[in-house]
């Protein structure tokens, strides 16, 4: 199949491209390579497969440039991962999120209609559940109480996608990712920051006094679920992709400590605006509809990340 992957230089997008290439698909990747974090990491991800794909440096908010990509290449499916990520950054830069996440997604959907691309999988987030007190989080939750602009824009995109699916007969699956981690991860995420600081003998910031739980989901499990969704068009659906077993933050830190053979110096901090104390995915729908079976536990996943981090930064073992 000919597949457009937006945000393909990103953490999840780059892993997805590698998997889609294994299946023999023709990939066109677009990414604006912005400076939210070091573009060199994005370039390094692209270098894994740059000679096997078509790459266009395009911002999804630029409708004219995006239109030219759709006109130049014909797509069977769209894997839409391009977005401005980060909960905390959205508190200080809200317009970036509205423009990139919402307007950018509207551009993708409108061009999909214009060019008769019926199938799309959209990367959403567990952040849409916000202050929901019902655990584990189920897709039937209204998800109408987001606590960050990032989450609000992602939820708005889901609703927008639902209207396009209904009005234009599209197949749009929105996948709500739960705390994705693994090799090539983003530098603003906990595992990356913790590993970096611990190796440099710097303290790590631990929020809410360590009273946090996250449903850490390894990148290969997320990619597996994404590919399954791409291969199964089904009208409009919202599906959780998580491991289904939340881990206490202090236990997560202990796994990193063991892997690095170093004790963390901890700077205990209050809960941050836009954050929630716990996430927990109900993955029954993903298992029933997609045959999704997450298999990588935190101990194994952290080990893989640490090995990659040391290799990428030439730190040895």
C-alpha atoms as a PDB file:
ATOM      1  CA  UNK A   1       0.000   0.000   0.000  1.00  0.00           C
ATOM      2  CA  UNK A   2       0.965   3.619  -0.470  1.00  0.00           C
ATOM      3  CA  UNK A   3       0.872   5.183   2.970  1.00  0.00           C
ATOM      4  CA  UNK A   4       1.346   8.788   4.071  1.00  0.00           C
ATOM      5  CA  UNK A   5       2.953   9.007   7.511  1.00  0.00           C
ATOM      6  CA  UNK A   6       2.744  12.467   9.061  1.00  0.00           C
ATOM      7  CA  UNK A   7       5.265  13.201  11.814  1.00  0.00           C
ATOM      8  CA  UNK A   8       7.444  10.387  10.556  1.00  0.00           C
ATOM      9  CA  UNK A   9      10.629  11.836  12.057  1.00  0.00           C
ATOM     10  CA  UNK A  10       9.056  11.618  15.495  1.00  0.00           C
ATOM     11  CA  UNK A  11       9.492   8.918  18.109  1.00  0.00           C
ATOM     12  CA  UNK A  12       6.439   6.810  17.289  1.00  0.00           C
ATOM     13  CA  UNK A  13       6.284   7.769  13.612  1.00  0.00           C
ATOM     14  CA  UNK A  14       9.825   6.583  12.896  1.00  0.00           C
ATOM     15  CA  UNK A  15       9.228   3.217  14.568  1.00  0.00           C
ATOM     16  CA  UNK A  16       5.985   2.865  12.614  1.00  0.00           C
ATOM     17  CA  UNK A  17       7.733   3.554   9.298  1.00  0.00           C
ATOM     18  CA  UNK A  18      10.291   0.832   9.978  1.00  0.00           C
ATOM     19  CA  UNK A  19       7.505  -1.661  10.592  1.00  0.00           C
ATOM     20  CA  UNK A  20       5.465  -0.580   7.559  1.00  0.00           C
ATOM     21  CA  UNK A  21       8.553  -0.939   5.358  1.00  0.00           C
ATOM     22  CA  UNK A  22       8.977  -4.526   6.575  1.00  0.00           C
ATOM     23  CA  UNK A  23       5.490  -5.213   5.219  1.00  0.00           C
ATOM     24  CA  UNK A  24       6.503  -3.924   1.789  1.00  0.00           C
ATOM     25  CA  UNK A  25       4.527  -0.671   1.843  1.00  0.00           C
ATOM     26  CA  UNK A  26       5.509   2.470  -0.070  1.00  0.00           C
ATOM     27  CA  UNK A  27       5.958   5.272   2.430  1.00  0.00           C
ATOM     28  CA  UNK A  28       5.782   9.020   2.007  1.00  0.00           C
ATOM     29  CA  UNK A  29       6.842  10.789   5.190  1.00  0.00           C
ATOM     30  CA  UNK A  30       6.194  14.417   6.029  1.00  0.00           C
ATOM     31  CA  UNK A  31       7.621  16.264   9.019  1.00  0.00           C
ATOM     32  CA  UNK A  32       8.536  19.887   9.682  1.00  0.00           C
ATOM     33  CA  UNK A  33      11.555  18.925  11.836  1.00  0.00           C
ATOM     34  CA  UNK A  34      10.749  21.712  14.290  1.00  0.00           C
ATOM     35  CA  UNK A  35      12.939  22.678  17.219  1.00  0.00           C
ATOM     36  CA  UNK A  36      10.662  21.668  20.103  1.00  0.00           C
ATOM     37  CA  UNK A  37      13.556  19.323  20.838  1.00  0.00           C
ATOM     38  CA  UNK A  38      16.888  18.719  19.095  1.00  0.00           C
ATOM     39  CA  UNK A  39      16.253  18.274  15.338  1.00  0.00           C
ATOM     40  CA  UNK A  40      19.452  16.204  15.172  1.00  0.00           C
ATOM     41  CA  UNK A  41      17.605  13.368  16.920  1.00  0.00           C
ATOM     42  CA  UNK A  42      14.843  13.582  14.310  1.00  0.00           C
ATOM     43  CA  UNK A  43      17.425  13.536  11.510  1.00  0.00           C
ATOM     44  CA  UNK A  44      19.081  10.488  13.082  1.00  0.00           C
ATOM     45  CA  UNK A  45      15.742   8.681  13.173  1.00  0.00           C
ATOM     46  CA  UNK A  46      15.155   9.523   9.501  1.00  0.00           C
ATOM     47  CA  UNK A  47      18.610   8.272   8.572  1.00  0.00           C
ATOM     48  CA  UNK A  48      17.518   4.745   9.508  1.00  0.00           C
ATOM     49  CA  UNK A  49      15.298   4.596   6.429  1.00  0.00           C
ATOM     50  CA  UNK A  50      15.673   7.820   4.432  1.00  0.00           C
ATOM     51  CA  UNK A  51      16.815   6.002   1.280  1.00  0.00           C
ATOM     52  CA  UNK A  52      13.767   3.689   1.381  1.00  0.00           C
ATOM     53  CA  UNK A  53      11.032   6.333   1.571  1.00  0.00           C
ATOM     54  CA  UNK A  54       9.928   9.618   0.072  1.00  0.00           C
ATOM     55  CA  UNK A  55      10.526  12.450   2.532  1.00  0.00           C
ATOM     56  CA  UNK A  56       9.007  15.913   2.273  1.00  0.00           C
ATOM     57  CA  UNK A  57       9.771  18.630   4.819  1.00  0.00           C
ATOM     58  CA  UNK A  58       6.275  20.013   5.247  1.00  0.00           C
ATOM     59  CA  UNK A  59       4.327  21.619   8.072  1.00  0.00           C
ATOM     60  CA  UNK A  60       0.755  20.311   8.233  1.00  0.00           C
ATOM     61  CA  UNK A  61      -0.497  23.840   9.002  1.00  0.00           C
ATOM     62  CA  UNK A  62       0.754  24.931   5.561  1.00  0.00           C
ATOM     63  CA  UNK A  63      -2.230  23.958   3.438  1.00  0.00           C
ATOM     64  CA  UNK A  64      -0.590  24.897   0.145  1.00  0.00           C
ATOM     65  CA  UNK A  65       2.527  22.794   0.784  1.00  0.00           C
ATOM     66  CA  UNK A  66       0.442  19.937   2.130  1.00  0.00           C
ATOM     67  CA  UNK A  67      -1.842  20.076  -0.925  1.00  0.00           C
ATOM     68  CA  UNK A  68       1.154  19.701  -3.214  1.00  0.00           C
ATOM     69  CA  UNK A  69       2.142  16.475  -1.440  1.00  0.00           C
ATOM     70  CA  UNK A  70      -1.335  15.005  -1.942  1.00  0.00           C
ATOM     71  CA  UNK A  71      -1.319  16.067  -5.588  1.00  0.00           C
ATOM     72  CA  UNK A  72       2.177  14.699  -6.228  1.00  0.00           C
ATOM     73  CA  UNK A  73       1.637  11.290  -4.638  1.00  0.00           C
ATOM     74  CA  UNK A  74      -1.394   9.034  -4.396  1.00  0.00           C
ATOM     75  CA  UNK A  75      -2.157   7.451  -1.038  1.00  0.00           C
ATOM     76  CA  UNK A  76      -4.195   4.440   0.008  1.00  0.00           C
ATOM     77  CA  UNK A  77      -4.016   5.211   3.717  1.00  0.00           C
ATOM     78  CA  UNK A  78      -2.897   7.918   6.133  1.00  0.00           C
ATOM     79  CA  UNK A  79      -1.078   7.373   9.425  1.00  0.00           C
ATOM     80  CA  UNK A  80      -1.488  10.756  11.093  1.00  0.00           C
ATOM     81  CA  UNK A  81       0.969  11.283  13.939  1.00  0.00           C
ATOM     82  CA  UNK A  82       2.173  14.847  13.299  1.00  0.00           C
ATOM     83  CA  UNK A  83       1.373  16.995  16.324  1.00  0.00           C
ATOM     84  CA  UNK A  84       2.809  19.405  18.817  1.00  0.00           C
ATOM     85  CA  UNK A  85       3.473  17.124  21.762  1.00  0.00           C
ATOM     86  CA  UNK A  86       3.972  17.835  25.463  1.00  0.00           C
ATOM     87  CA  UNK A  87       1.451  18.607  28.177  1.00  0.00           C
ATOM     88  CA  UNK A  88       3.443  21.268  30.044  1.00  0.00           C
ATOM     89  CA  UNK A  89       4.575  23.163  26.949  1.00  0.00           C
ATOM     90  CA  UNK A  90       0.913  23.573  25.995  1.00  0.00           C
ATOM     91  CA  UNK A  91       0.330  25.679  29.115  1.00  0.00           C
ATOM     92  CA  UNK A  92       2.685  28.374  27.844  1.00  0.00           C
ATOM     93  CA  UNK A  93       2.297  27.978  24.064  1.00  0.00           C
ATOM     94  CA  UNK A  94      -1.414  27.196  23.526  1.00  0.00           C
ATOM     95  CA  UNK A  95      -1.669  28.666  20.022  1.00  0.00           C
ATOM     96  CA  UNK A  96       0.978  26.269  18.692  1.00  0.00           C
ATOM     97  CA  UNK A  97      -1.228  23.354  19.769  1.00  0.00           C
ATOM     98  CA  UNK A  98      -4.424  24.811  18.320  1.00  0.00           C
ATOM     99  CA  UNK A  99      -2.683  25.502  15.003  1.00  0.00           C
ATOM    100  CA  UNK A 100      -0.673  22.300  14.657  1.00  0.00           C
ATOM    101  CA  UNK A 101      -2.966  19.752  16.260  1.00  0.00           C
ATOM    102  CA  UNK A 102      -6.402  21.037  15.325  1.00  0.00           C
ATOM    103  CA  UNK A 103      -5.931  23.114  12.163  1.00  0.00           C
ATOM    104  CA  UNK A 104      -3.243  20.718  10.910  1.00  0.00           C
ATOM    105  CA  UNK A 105      -5.550  17.727  11.404  1.00  0.00           C
ATOM    106  CA  UNK A 106      -8.402  19.583   9.691  1.00  0.00           C
ATOM    107  CA  UNK A 107      -6.094  20.140   6.704  1.00  0.00           C
ATOM    108  CA  UNK A 108      -5.213  16.425   6.570  1.00  0.00           C
ATOM    109  CA  UNK A 109      -8.874  15.387   6.741  1.00  0.00           C
ATOM    110  CA  UNK A 110      -9.973  17.882   4.101  1.00  0.00           C
ATOM    111  CA  UNK A 111      -7.248  16.806   1.680  1.00  0.00           C
ATOM    112  CA  UNK A 112      -8.072  13.155   2.333  1.00  0.00           C
ATOM    113  CA  UNK A 113     -11.637  13.880   1.203  1.00  0.00           C
ATOM    114  CA  UNK A 114     -10.469  15.862  -1.828  1.00  0.00           C
ATOM    115  CA  UNK A 115      -8.099  13.080  -2.926  1.00  0.00           C
ATOM    116  CA  UNK A 116     -10.427  10.205  -2.017  1.00  0.00           C
ATOM    117  CA  UNK A 117      -8.260   8.666   0.713  1.00  0.00           C
ATOM    118  CA  UNK A 118     -10.798   6.771   2.781  1.00  0.00           C
ATOM    119  CA  UNK A 119      -8.648   5.202   5.512  1.00  0.00           C
ATOM    120  CA  UNK A 120      -6.847   7.032   8.310  1.00  0.00           C
ATOM    121  CA  UNK A 121      -5.477   6.167  11.729  1.00  0.00           C
ATOM    122  CA  UNK A 122      -5.009   9.107  14.074  1.00  0.00           C
ATOM    123  CA  UNK A 123      -2.620   9.249  17.033  1.00  0.00           C
ATOM    124  CA  UNK A 124      -4.561  10.479  20.040  1.00  0.00           C
ATOM    125  CA  UNK A 125      -3.637  10.334  23.708  1.00  0.00           C
ATOM    126  CA  UNK A 126      -4.683   9.080  27.130  1.00  0.00           C
ATOM    127  CA  UNK A 127      -4.483  12.730  28.221  1.00  0.00           C
ATOM    128  CA  UNK A 128      -7.999  13.236  26.852  1.00  0.00           C
ATOM    129  CA  UNK A 129      -9.374  11.407  29.913  1.00  0.00           C
ATOM    130  CA  UNK A 130      -8.227  14.304  32.073  1.00  0.00           C
ATOM    131  CA  UNK A 131      -9.877  14.321  35.483  1.00  0.00           C
ATOM    132  CA  UNK A 132     -11.887  11.150  34.907  1.00  0.00           C
ATOM    133  CA  UNK A 133     -12.102   9.255  38.185  1.00  0.00           C
ATOM    134  CA  UNK A 134     -13.208   5.995  36.611  1.00  0.00           C
ATOM    135  CA  UNK A 135     -10.321   3.499  36.437  1.00  0.00           C
ATOM    136  CA  UNK A 136      -9.317   1.880  34.171  1.00  0.00           C
ATOM    137  CA  UNK A 137     -10.074   4.455  31.468  1.00  0.00           C
ATOM    138  CA  UNK A 138     -12.660   3.154  29.011  1.00  0.00           C
ATOM    139  CA  UNK A 139     -13.342   4.510  25.529  1.00  0.00           C
ATOM    140  CA  UNK A 140     -16.988   5.070  26.534  1.00  0.00           C
ATOM    141  CA  UNK A 141     -15.925   7.873  28.912  1.00  0.00           C
ATOM    142  CA  UNK A 142     -17.128  11.283  27.661  1.00  0.00           C
ATOM    143  CA  UNK A 143     -13.547  12.616  27.985  1.00  0.00           C
ATOM    144  CA  UNK A 144     -14.895  16.133  28.309  1.00  0.00           C
ATOM    145  CA  UNK A 145     -12.707  17.372  31.184  1.00  0.00           C
ATOM    146  CA  UNK A 146      -9.179  17.729  29.774  1.00  0.00           C
ATOM    147  CA  UNK A 147      -6.682  19.456  32.066  1.00  0.00           C
ATOM    148  CA  UNK A 148      -4.277  20.692  29.374  1.00  0.00           C
ATOM    149  CA  UNK A 149      -4.532  22.480  26.036  1.00  0.00           C
ATOM    150  CA  UNK A 150      -2.669  19.545  24.489  1.00  0.00           C
ATOM    151  CA  UNK A 151      -5.382  17.122  25.622  1.00  0.00           C
ATOM    152  CA  UNK A 152      -8.161  19.505  24.584  1.00  0.00           C
ATOM    153  CA  UNK A 153      -6.800  19.791  21.037  1.00  0.00           C
ATOM    154  CA  UNK A 154      -6.443  16.026  20.718  1.00  0.00           C
ATOM    155  CA  UNK A 155     -10.021  15.464  21.923  1.00  0.00           C
ATOM    156  CA  UNK A 156     -11.209  18.139  19.500  1.00  0.00           C
ATOM    157  CA  UNK A 157      -9.438  16.280  16.692  1.00  0.00           C
ATOM    158  CA  UNK A 158     -11.233  13.062  17.611  1.00  0.00           C
ATOM    159  CA  UNK A 159     -14.588  14.834  17.371  1.00  0.00           C
ATOM    160  CA  UNK A 160     -13.600  16.457  14.088  1.00  0.00           C
ATOM    161  CA  UNK A 161     -12.555  13.057  12.718  1.00  0.00           C
ATOM    162  CA  UNK A 162     -15.896  11.573  13.766  1.00  0.00           C
ATOM    163  CA  UNK A 163     -17.730  14.201  11.730  1.00  0.00           C
ATOM    164  CA  UNK A 164     -15.567  13.575   8.651  1.00  0.00           C
ATOM    165  CA  UNK A 165     -16.038   9.825   8.955  1.00  0.00           C
ATOM    166  CA  UNK A 166     -19.815  10.260   9.112  1.00  0.00           C
ATOM    167  CA  UNK A 167     -20.144  12.941   6.449  1.00  0.00           C
ATOM    168  CA  UNK A 168     -17.687  11.529   3.917  1.00  0.00           C
ATOM    169  CA  UNK A 169     -17.832   7.790   4.549  1.00  0.00           C
ATOM    170  CA  UNK A 170     -14.274   7.643   5.842  1.00  0.00           C
ATOM    171  CA  UNK A 171     -12.694   5.043   8.078  1.00  0.00           C
ATOM    172  CA  UNK A 172     -10.935   6.886  10.935  1.00  0.00           C
ATOM    173  CA  UNK A 173      -9.558   5.069  13.955  1.00  0.00           C
ATOM    174  CA  UNK A 174      -8.347   7.237  16.826  1.00  0.00           C
ATOM    175  CA  UNK A 175      -5.793   5.439  18.990  1.00  0.00           C
ATOM    176  CA  UNK A 176      -5.345   6.758  22.519  1.00  0.00           C
ATOM    177  CA  UNK A 177      -1.727   6.085  23.460  1.00  0.00           C
ATOM    178  CA  UNK A 178      -0.739   5.554  27.086  1.00  0.00           C
ATOM    179  CA  UNK A 179       2.744   6.831  28.118  1.00  0.00           C
ATOM    180  CA  UNK A 180       4.780   5.434  25.243  1.00  0.00           C
ATOM    181  CA  UNK A 181       8.470   4.804  25.895  1.00  0.00           C
ATOM    182  CA  UNK A 182      11.429   3.059  24.312  1.00  0.00           C
ATOM    183  CA  UNK A 183      14.507   3.592  22.104  1.00  0.00           C
ATOM    184  CA  UNK A 184      14.582   6.851  20.100  1.00  0.00           C
ATOM    185  CA  UNK A 185      12.162   8.416  22.601  1.00  0.00           C
ATOM    186  CA  UNK A 186      11.578  12.119  23.133  1.00  0.00           C
ATOM    187  CA  UNK A 187      14.008  14.043  25.383  1.00  0.00           C
ATOM    188  CA  UNK A 188      11.124  15.746  27.223  1.00  0.00           C
ATOM    189  CA  UNK A 189       9.705  12.444  28.507  1.00  0.00           C
ATOM    190  CA  UNK A 190      10.373  10.998  31.957  1.00  0.00           C
ATOM    191  CA  UNK A 191      12.485   7.977  31.020  1.00  0.00           C
ATOM    192  CA  UNK A 192      14.787  10.031  28.793  1.00  0.00           C
ATOM    193  CA  UNK A 193      15.177  12.828  31.363  1.00  0.00           C
ATOM    194  CA  UNK A 194      15.679  10.430  34.268  1.00  0.00           C
ATOM    195  CA  UNK A 195      18.306   8.385  32.433  1.00  0.00           C
ATOM    196  CA  UNK A 196      20.180  11.468  31.235  1.00  0.00           C
ATOM    197  CA  UNK A 197      20.266  13.142  34.643  1.00  0.00           C
ATOM    198  CA  UNK A 198      21.189  10.013  36.549  1.00  0.00           C
ATOM    199  CA  UNK A 199      24.102   9.295  34.216  1.00  0.00           C
ATOM    200  CA  UNK A 200      25.237  12.900  34.675  1.00  0.00           C
ATOM    201  CA  UNK A 201      24.832  12.719  38.481  1.00  0.00           C
ATOM    202  CA  UNK A 202      22.111  15.351  38.386  1.00  0.00           C
ATOM    203  CA  UNK A 203      18.869  15.181  40.398  1.00  0.00           C
ATOM    204  CA  UNK A 204      15.620  14.115  38.756  1.00  0.00           C
ATOM    205  CA  UNK A 205      12.358  15.985  39.289  1.00  0.00           C
ATOM    206  CA  UNK A 206       9.743  13.689  40.834  1.00  0.00           C
ATOM    207  CA  UNK A 207       6.273  15.219  40.795  1.00  0.00           C
ATOM    208  CA  UNK A 208       3.467  14.866  43.329  1.00  0.00           C
ATOM    209  CA  UNK A 209       5.958  13.499  45.843  1.00  0.00           C
ATOM    210  CA  UNK A 210       6.288  10.380  43.728  1.00  0.00           C
ATOM    211  CA  UNK A 211       2.597   9.532  44.129  1.00  0.00           C
ATOM    212  CA  UNK A 212       2.041   9.003  40.432  1.00  0.00           C
ATOM    213  CA  UNK A 213       1.074   5.977  38.371  1.00  0.00           C
ATOM    214  CA  UNK A 214       1.470   5.574  34.641  1.00  0.00           C
ATOM    215  CA  UNK A 215       0.410   2.844  32.245  1.00  0.00           C
ATOM    216  CA  UNK A 216       3.818   2.680  30.546  1.00  0.00           C
ATOM    217  CA  UNK A 217       3.485   1.154  27.075  1.00  0.00           C
ATOM    218  CA  UNK A 218       6.501   0.009  25.083  1.00  0.00           C
ATOM    219  CA  UNK A 219       6.946   1.352  21.579  1.00  0.00           C
ATOM    220  CA  UNK A 220       6.796  -2.025  19.792  1.00  0.00           C
ATOM    221  CA  UNK A 221       3.398  -2.730  21.364  1.00  0.00           C
ATOM    222  CA  UNK A 222       2.103   0.670  20.225  1.00  0.00           C
ATOM    223  CA  UNK A 223       3.373   0.104  16.683  1.00  0.00           C
ATOM    224  CA  UNK A 224       1.800  -3.351  16.583  1.00  0.00           C
ATOM    225  CA  UNK A 225      -1.563  -1.889  17.558  1.00  0.00           C
ATOM    226  CA  UNK A 226      -1.207   0.935  15.046  1.00  0.00           C
ATOM    227  CA  UNK A 227      -0.434  -1.411  12.157  1.00  0.00           C
ATOM    228  CA  UNK A 228      -3.382  -3.616  13.115  1.00  0.00           C
ATOM    229  CA  UNK A 229      -5.654  -0.564  13.034  1.00  0.00           C
ATOM    230  CA  UNK A 230      -4.288   0.532   9.638  1.00  0.00           C
ATOM    231  CA  UNK A 231      -5.039  -2.919   8.270  1.00  0.00           C
ATOM    232  CA  UNK A 232      -8.615  -2.922   9.584  1.00  0.00           C
ATOM    233  CA  UNK A 233     -10.778  -0.031   8.333  1.00  0.00           C
ATOM    234  CA  UNK A 234     -13.980   0.077  10.384  1.00  0.00           C
ATOM    235  CA  UNK A 235     -15.824   3.362  10.133  1.00  0.00           C
ATOM    236  CA  UNK A 236     -15.108   5.577  13.131  1.00  0.00           C
ATOM    237  CA  UNK A 237     -13.581   4.076  16.257  1.00  0.00           C
ATOM    238  CA  UNK A 238     -11.738   5.214  19.370  1.00  0.00           C
ATOM    239  CA  UNK A 239      -9.428   2.580  20.858  1.00  0.00           C
ATOM    240  CA  UNK A 240      -7.053   2.615  23.822  1.00  0.00           C
ATOM    241  CA  UNK A 241      -3.529   1.317  23.302  1.00  0.00           C
ATOM    242  CA  UNK A 242      -1.840   0.721  26.657  1.00  0.00           C
ATOM    243  CA  UNK A 243      -0.133  -2.040  28.585  1.00  0.00           C
ATOM    244  CA  UNK A 244      -3.080  -2.290  30.949  1.00  0.00           C
ATOM    245  CA  UNK A 245      -1.036  -2.352  34.160  1.00  0.00           C
ATOM    246  CA  UNK A 246      -0.113   1.012  35.734  1.00  0.00           C
ATOM    247  CA  UNK A 247       3.253   1.257  37.464  1.00  0.00           C
ATOM    248  CA  UNK A 248       4.040   3.468  40.446  1.00  0.00           C
ATOM    249  CA  UNK A 249       6.513   6.188  39.480  1.00  0.00           C
ATOM    250  CA  UNK A 250       8.886   5.274  42.315  1.00  0.00           C
ATOM    251  CA  UNK A 251       8.916   1.655  41.124  1.00  0.00           C
ATOM    252  CA  UNK A 252       9.688   2.918  37.620  1.00  0.00           C
ATOM    253  CA  UNK A 253      12.624   4.923  38.980  1.00  0.00           C
ATOM    254  CA  UNK A 254      13.846   1.813  40.826  1.00  0.00           C
ATOM    255  CA  UNK A 255      13.928  -0.126  37.535  1.00  0.00           C
ATOM    256  CA  UNK A 256      16.043   2.624  35.955  1.00  0.00           C
ATOM    257  CA  UNK A 257      18.344   2.666  38.990  1.00  0.00           C
ATOM    258  CA  UNK A 258      18.881  -1.065  38.706  1.00  0.00           C
ATOM    259  CA  UNK A 259      19.578  -0.868  34.975  1.00  0.00           C
ATOM    260  CA  UNK A 260      22.062   2.008  35.397  1.00  0.00           C
ATOM    261  CA  UNK A 261      23.506   0.623  38.643  1.00  0.00           C
ATOM    262  CA  UNK A 262      23.115   4.128  40.085  1.00  0.00           C
ATOM    263  CA  UNK A 263      20.907   5.657  42.758  1.00  0.00           C
ATOM    264  CA  UNK A 264      18.814   8.601  41.688  1.00  0.00           C
ATOM    265  CA  UNK A 265      19.086  11.932  43.426  1.00  0.00           C
ATOM    266  CA  UNK A 266      15.475  13.039  43.700  1.00  0.00           C
ATOM    267  CA  UNK A 267      14.031  16.509  43.728  1.00  0.00           C
ATOM    268  CA  UNK A 268      10.463  16.032  44.966  1.00  0.00           C
ATOM    269  CA  UNK A 269       8.051  18.486  43.385  1.00  0.00           C
ATOM    270  CA  UNK A 270       4.324  19.260  43.700  1.00  0.00           C
ATOM    271  CA  UNK A 271       1.843  18.128  41.070  1.00  0.00           C
ATOM    272  CA  UNK A 272       2.294  20.133  37.885  1.00  0.00           C
ATOM    273  CA  UNK A 273      -0.563  22.005  36.190  1.00  0.00           C
ATOM    274  CA  UNK A 274      -1.994  19.961  33.341  1.00  0.00           C
ATOM    275  CA  UNK A 275      -0.901  16.668  34.908  1.00  0.00           C
ATOM    276  CA  UNK A 276      -2.959  13.843  36.399  1.00  0.00           C
ATOM    277  CA  UNK A 277      -1.980  11.459  39.217  1.00  0.00           C
ATOM    278  CA  UNK A 278      -2.705   8.225  37.357  1.00  0.00           C
ATOM    279  CA  UNK A 279      -3.413   6.682  33.960  1.00  0.00           C
ATOM    280  CA  UNK A 280      -4.708   3.168  33.409  1.00  0.00           C
ATOM    281  CA  UNK A 281      -5.906   1.757  30.089  1.00  0.00           C
ATOM    282  CA  UNK A 282      -8.785  -0.623  29.650  1.00  0.00           C
ATOM    283  CA  UNK A 283      -7.489  -2.488  26.590  1.00  0.00           C
ATOM    284  CA  UNK A 284     -10.346  -4.949  26.160  1.00  0.00           C
ATOM    285  CA  UNK A 285     -11.637  -3.177  23.053  1.00  0.00           C
ATOM    286  CA  UNK A 286      -8.187  -3.261  21.433  1.00  0.00           C
ATOM    287  CA  UNK A 287      -7.890  -6.966  22.217  1.00  0.00           C
ATOM    288  CA  UNK A 288     -11.355  -7.791  20.873  1.00  0.00           C
ATOM    289  CA  UNK A 289     -11.303  -5.648  17.721  1.00  0.00           C
ATOM    290  CA  UNK A 290      -7.613  -5.614  16.800  1.00  0.00           C
ATOM    291  CA  UNK A 291      -6.248  -8.754  18.448  1.00  0.00           C
ATOM    292  CA  UNK A 292      -3.920  -6.440  20.380  1.00  0.00           C
ATOM    293  CA  UNK A 293      -1.782  -8.163  23.026  1.00  0.00           C
ATOM    294  CA  UNK A 294       0.842  -5.926  24.672  1.00  0.00           C
ATOM    295  CA  UNK A 295       3.833  -8.038  25.632  1.00  0.00           C
ATOM    296  CA  UNK A 296       6.736  -5.848  26.795  1.00  0.00           C
ATOM    297  CA  UNK A 297       6.868  -5.208  30.554  1.00  0.00           C
ATOM    298  CA  UNK A 298       8.621  -2.195  32.073  1.00  0.00           C
ATOM    299  CA  UNK A 299      11.736  -4.101  33.174  1.00  0.00           C
ATOM    300  CA  UNK A 300      12.442  -5.282  29.626  1.00  0.00           C
ATOM    301  CA  UNK A 301      11.435  -1.994  28.032  1.00  0.00           C
ATOM    302  CA  UNK A 302      13.630   0.163  30.272  1.00  0.00           C
ATOM    303  CA  UNK A 303      16.598  -2.117  29.578  1.00  0.00           C
ATOM    304  CA  UNK A 304      16.116  -1.653  25.828  1.00  0.00           C
ATOM    305  CA  UNK A 305      15.902   2.114  26.215  1.00  0.00           C
ATOM    306  CA  UNK A 306      19.013   2.356  28.383  1.00  0.00           C
ATOM    307  CA  UNK A 307      20.994   0.229  25.909  1.00  0.00           C
ATOM    308  CA  UNK A 308      19.877   2.490  23.070  1.00  0.00           C
ATOM    309  CA  UNK A 309      20.621   5.676  25.039  1.00  0.00           C
ATOM    310  CA  UNK A 310      24.179   4.569  25.831  1.00  0.00           C
ATOM    311  CA  UNK A 311      24.775   3.531  22.247  1.00  0.00           C
ATOM    312  CA  UNK A 312      23.292   6.731  20.764  1.00  0.00           C
ATOM    313  CA  UNK A 313      25.396   8.911  23.051  1.00  0.00           C
ATOM    314  CA  UNK A 314      28.459   6.653  22.680  1.00  0.00           C
ATOM    315  CA  UNK A 315      28.681   6.097  26.420  1.00  0.00           C
ATOM    316  CA  UNK A 316      29.720   2.472  26.295  1.00  0.00           C
ATOM    317  CA  UNK A 317      28.291  -0.087  28.708  1.00  0.00           C
END
